[in-house]
Amino acid sequence: MKHRILVVEDDPLFRELLTGWVETEGFEAAVADTLEAAFILIAAEPLPEAVLLDIHLGSTNGLTLVHWARRQRHLAHLPIVAVTGDASFKDNKSVQEAGCDACITKPVNFKALRKILATLRVHSVG
């Protein structure tokens, strides 16, 4: 069985790009385009191996999901990588404070993302 990565992204084109990359890397992609859908999928069995989370989901803040996940015993150590189009220090600081394990900016450097996932010990099995 392939390990799952939850992709949370509201932009359809970027969501398709991330999902395609996740699947090319040998993972199964679970996809959420809203924060509400992400809350359902992050806790669905089998649990995701990691989360790629857009922190700006329209008018909602994706970091809400991180704050919640870090309070759940079974999700507390789930690798979460923030994905953002805003590379400012403020966002990086808020991402770290929320409990994200890493942050990558758009457009995504997929070689760097692969390295981040490897550092977080996220590996496909399929």
C-alpha atoms as a PDB file:
ATOM      1  CA  MET A   1       0.000   0.000   0.000  1.00  0.00           C
ATOM      2  CA  LYS A   2       1.317   3.441  -0.923  1.00  0.00           C
ATOM      3  CA  HIS A   3       1.825   6.044   1.765  1.00  0.00           C
ATOM      4  CA  ARG A   4      -0.501   9.034   1.517  1.00  0.00           C
ATOM      5  CA  ILE A   5       0.382  12.688   1.400  1.00  0.00           C
ATOM      6  CA  LEU A   6      -2.404  15.154   2.058  1.00  0.00           C
ATOM      7  CA  VAL A   7      -2.271  18.074  -0.375  1.00  0.00           C
ATOM      8  CA  VAL A   8      -4.232  21.102   0.866  1.00  0.00           C
ATOM      9  CA  GLU A   9      -4.390  23.757  -1.847  1.00  0.00           C
ATOM     10  CA  ASP A  10      -7.236  25.987  -3.038  1.00  0.00           C
ATOM     11  CA  ASP A  11      -5.743  27.005  -6.396  1.00  0.00           C
ATOM     12  CA  PRO A  12      -6.854  24.356  -8.932  1.00  0.00           C
ATOM     13  CA  LEU A  13      -3.781  24.586 -11.163  1.00  0.00           C
ATOM     14  CA  PHE A  14      -1.293  24.477  -8.318  1.00  0.00           C
ATOM     15  CA  ARG A  15      -3.289  21.711  -6.608  1.00  0.00           C
ATOM     16  CA  GLU A  16      -3.051  19.647  -9.798  1.00  0.00           C
ATOM     17  CA  LEU A  17       0.684  20.339 -10.052  1.00  0.00           C
ATOM     18  CA  LEU A  18       1.355  19.313  -6.436  1.00  0.00           C
ATOM     19  CA  THR A  19      -0.867  16.251  -6.693  1.00  0.00           C
ATOM     20  CA  GLY A  20       0.844  15.116  -9.880  1.00  0.00           C
ATOM     21  CA  TRP A  21       4.259  15.505  -8.282  1.00  0.00           C
ATOM     22  CA  VAL A  22       3.202  13.592  -5.157  1.00  0.00           C
ATOM     23  CA  GLU A  23       1.941  10.712  -7.303  1.00  0.00           C
ATOM     24  CA  THR A  24       5.064  10.756  -9.495  1.00  0.00           C
ATOM     25  CA  GLU A  25       7.129  10.428  -6.315  1.00  0.00           C
ATOM     26  CA  GLY A  26       5.288   7.191  -5.523  1.00  0.00           C
ATOM     27  CA  PHE A  27       2.781   8.404  -2.947  1.00  0.00           C
ATOM     28  CA  GLU A  28      -0.983   8.320  -2.966  1.00  0.00           C
ATOM     29  CA  ALA A  29      -2.394  11.850  -2.918  1.00  0.00           C
ATOM     30  CA  ALA A  30      -5.316  12.814  -0.719  1.00  0.00           C
ATOM     31  CA  VAL A  31      -6.557  16.205  -1.882  1.00  0.00           C
ATOM     32  CA  ALA A  32      -8.409  18.984  -0.068  1.00  0.00           C
ATOM     33  CA  ASP A  33      -9.298  22.336  -1.579  1.00  0.00           C
ATOM     34  CA  THR A  34     -10.755  23.839   1.603  1.00  0.00           C
ATOM     35  CA  LEU A  35      -9.830  23.924   5.255  1.00  0.00           C
ATOM     36  CA  GLU A  36     -13.005  22.006   6.097  1.00  0.00           C
ATOM     37  CA  ALA A  37     -12.073  19.173   3.720  1.00  0.00           C
ATOM     38  CA  ALA A  38      -8.543  19.150   5.136  1.00  0.00           C
ATOM     39  CA  PHE A  39      -9.862  18.631   8.688  1.00  0.00           C
ATOM     40  CA  ILE A  40     -11.742  15.548   7.485  1.00  0.00           C
ATOM     41  CA  LEU A  41      -8.899  14.072   5.432  1.00  0.00           C
ATOM     42  CA  ILE A  42      -6.073  14.661   7.910  1.00  0.00           C
ATOM     43  CA  ALA A  43      -7.702  12.275  10.382  1.00  0.00           C
ATOM     44  CA  ALA A  44      -8.979   9.729   7.826  1.00  0.00           C
ATOM     45  CA  GLU A  45      -7.569   6.215   7.818  1.00  0.00           C
ATOM     46  CA  PRO A  46      -4.995   5.480   6.755  1.00  0.00           C
ATOM     47  CA  LEU A  47      -3.436   8.580   8.244  1.00  0.00           C
ATOM     48  CA  PRO A  48      -1.324  10.632   5.855  1.00  0.00           C
ATOM     49  CA  GLU A  49       2.434  10.234   5.930  1.00  0.00           C
ATOM     50  CA  ALA A  50       2.756  14.032   5.586  1.00  0.00           C
ATOM     51  CA  VAL A  51       0.808  17.185   4.720  1.00  0.00           C
ATOM     52  CA  LEU A  52       1.616  19.818   2.093  1.00  0.00           C
ATOM     53  CA  LEU A  53      -0.430  22.766   3.305  1.00  0.00           C
ATOM     54  CA  ASP A  54      -1.143  26.036   1.546  1.00  0.00           C
ATOM     55  CA  ILE A  55      -1.270  28.500   4.418  1.00  0.00           C
ATOM     56  CA  HIS A  56      -3.463  30.987   2.534  1.00  0.00           C
ATOM     57  CA  LEU A  57      -6.698  29.181   1.646  1.00  0.00           C
ATOM     58  CA  GLY A  58      -8.809  32.005   0.287  1.00  0.00           C
ATOM     59  CA  SER A  59     -10.064  33.884   3.319  1.00  0.00           C
ATOM     60  CA  THR A  60      -9.032  31.159   5.782  1.00  0.00           C
ATOM     61  CA  ASN A  61      -5.685  30.516   7.410  1.00  0.00           C
ATOM     62  CA  GLY A  62      -4.293  27.026   6.845  1.00  0.00           C
ATOM     63  CA  LEU A  63      -2.286  27.297  10.053  1.00  0.00           C
ATOM     64  CA  THR A  64      -5.545  26.623  11.914  1.00  0.00           C
ATOM     65  CA  LEU A  65      -5.167  23.013  10.779  1.00  0.00           C
ATOM     66  CA  VAL A  66      -1.613  22.859  12.137  1.00  0.00           C
ATOM     67  CA  HIS A  67      -2.618  24.239  15.542  1.00  0.00           C
ATOM     68  CA  TRP A  68      -5.393  21.630  15.777  1.00  0.00           C
ATOM     69  CA  ALA A  69      -3.230  18.715  14.560  1.00  0.00           C
ATOM     70  CA  ARG A  70      -0.483  19.467  17.072  1.00  0.00           C
ATOM     71  CA  ARG A  71      -3.046  19.092  19.900  1.00  0.00           C
ATOM     72  CA  GLN A  72      -4.129  15.636  18.678  1.00  0.00           C
ATOM     73  CA  ARG A  73      -2.069  12.821  20.156  1.00  0.00           C
ATOM     74  CA  HIS A  74      -2.151  10.710  16.975  1.00  0.00           C
ATOM     75  CA  LEU A  75      -1.236  13.673  14.714  1.00  0.00           C
ATOM     76  CA  ALA A  76       1.183  15.562  16.956  1.00  0.00           C
ATOM     77  CA  HIS A  77       4.260  14.334  15.069  1.00  0.00           C
ATOM     78  CA  LEU A  78       2.774  14.300  11.568  1.00  0.00           C
ATOM     79  CA  PRO A  79       5.189  16.091   9.209  1.00  0.00           C
ATOM     80  CA  ILE A  80       3.531  19.268   7.920  1.00  0.00           C
ATOM     81  CA  VAL A  81       5.171  21.377   5.215  1.00  0.00           C
ATOM     82  CA  ALA A  82       3.719  24.842   4.726  1.00  0.00           C
ATOM     83  CA  VAL A  83       3.470  25.959   1.111  1.00  0.00           C
ATOM     84  CA  THR A  84       3.193  29.685   0.549  1.00  0.00           C
ATOM     85  CA  GLY A  85       3.542  32.334  -2.104  1.00  0.00           C
ATOM     86  CA  ASP A  86       4.685  34.810   0.549  1.00  0.00           C
ATOM     87  CA  ALA A  87       8.315  34.324   1.519  1.00  0.00           C
ATOM     88  CA  SER A  88       8.341  37.135   4.071  1.00  0.00           C
ATOM     89  CA  PHE A  89       9.941  36.617   7.474  1.00  0.00           C
ATOM     90  CA  LYS A  90       6.605  37.208   9.196  1.00  0.00           C
ATOM     91  CA  ASP A  91       5.031  34.210   7.475  1.00  0.00           C
ATOM     92  CA  ASN A  92       8.052  32.016   8.158  1.00  0.00           C
ATOM     93  CA  LYS A  93       7.910  32.961  11.839  1.00  0.00           C
ATOM     94  CA  SER A  94       4.177  32.268  12.093  1.00  0.00           C
ATOM     95  CA  VAL A  95       4.665  28.970  10.263  1.00  0.00           C
ATOM     96  CA  GLN A  96       7.314  27.869  12.764  1.00  0.00           C
ATOM     97  CA  GLU A  97       5.264  29.044  15.735  1.00  0.00           C
ATOM     98  CA  ALA A  98       2.244  27.100  14.470  1.00  0.00           C
ATOM     99  CA  GLY A  99       4.264  23.902  14.465  1.00  0.00           C
ATOM    100  CA  CYS A 100       5.048  23.332  10.804  1.00  0.00           C
ATOM    101  CA  ASP A 101       8.139  21.225  10.217  1.00  0.00           C
ATOM    102  CA  ALA A 102       9.221  23.151   7.134  1.00  0.00           C
ATOM    103  CA  CYS A 103       8.134  25.876   4.735  1.00  0.00           C
ATOM    104  CA  ILE A 104       8.570  26.072   0.991  1.00  0.00           C
ATOM    105  CA  THR A 105       7.603  28.947  -1.274  1.00  0.00           C
ATOM    106  CA  LYS A 106       5.763  28.989  -4.565  1.00  0.00           C
ATOM    107  CA  PRO A 107       6.765  28.351  -7.225  1.00  0.00           C
ATOM    108  CA  VAL A 108       7.888  25.140  -5.564  1.00  0.00           C
ATOM    109  CA  ASN A 109      11.378  23.849  -6.165  1.00  0.00           C
ATOM    110  CA  PHE A 110      10.518  20.142  -6.286  1.00  0.00           C
ATOM    111  CA  LYS A 111      14.117  19.070  -5.754  1.00  0.00           C
ATOM    112  CA  ALA A 112      14.107  21.068  -2.500  1.00  0.00           C
ATOM    113  CA  LEU A 113      10.709  19.622  -1.530  1.00  0.00           C
ATOM    114  CA  ARG A 114      12.005  16.086  -2.118  1.00  0.00           C
ATOM    115  CA  LYS A 115      14.953  16.892   0.178  1.00  0.00           C
ATOM    116  CA  ILE A 116      12.636  18.339   2.848  1.00  0.00           C
ATOM    117  CA  LEU A 117      10.487  15.201   2.817  1.00  0.00           C
ATOM    118  CA  ALA A 118      13.554  12.978   3.022  1.00  0.00           C
ATOM    119  CA  THR A 119      14.848  15.005   5.978  1.00  0.00           C
ATOM    120  CA  LEU A 120      11.464  14.517   7.655  1.00  0.00           C
ATOM    121  CA  ARG A 121      11.753  10.763   6.898  1.00  0.00           C
ATOM    122  CA  VAL A 122       8.784  10.733   4.579  1.00  0.00           C
ATOM    123  CA  HIS A 123       9.330   7.972   2.050  1.00  0.00           C
ATOM    124  CA  SER A 124       7.046   6.242  -0.410  1.00  0.00           C
ATOM    125  CA  VAL A 125       6.690   2.485  -0.280  1.00  0.00           C
ATOM    126  CA  GLY A 126       5.173   1.988  -3.696  1.00  0.00           C
END
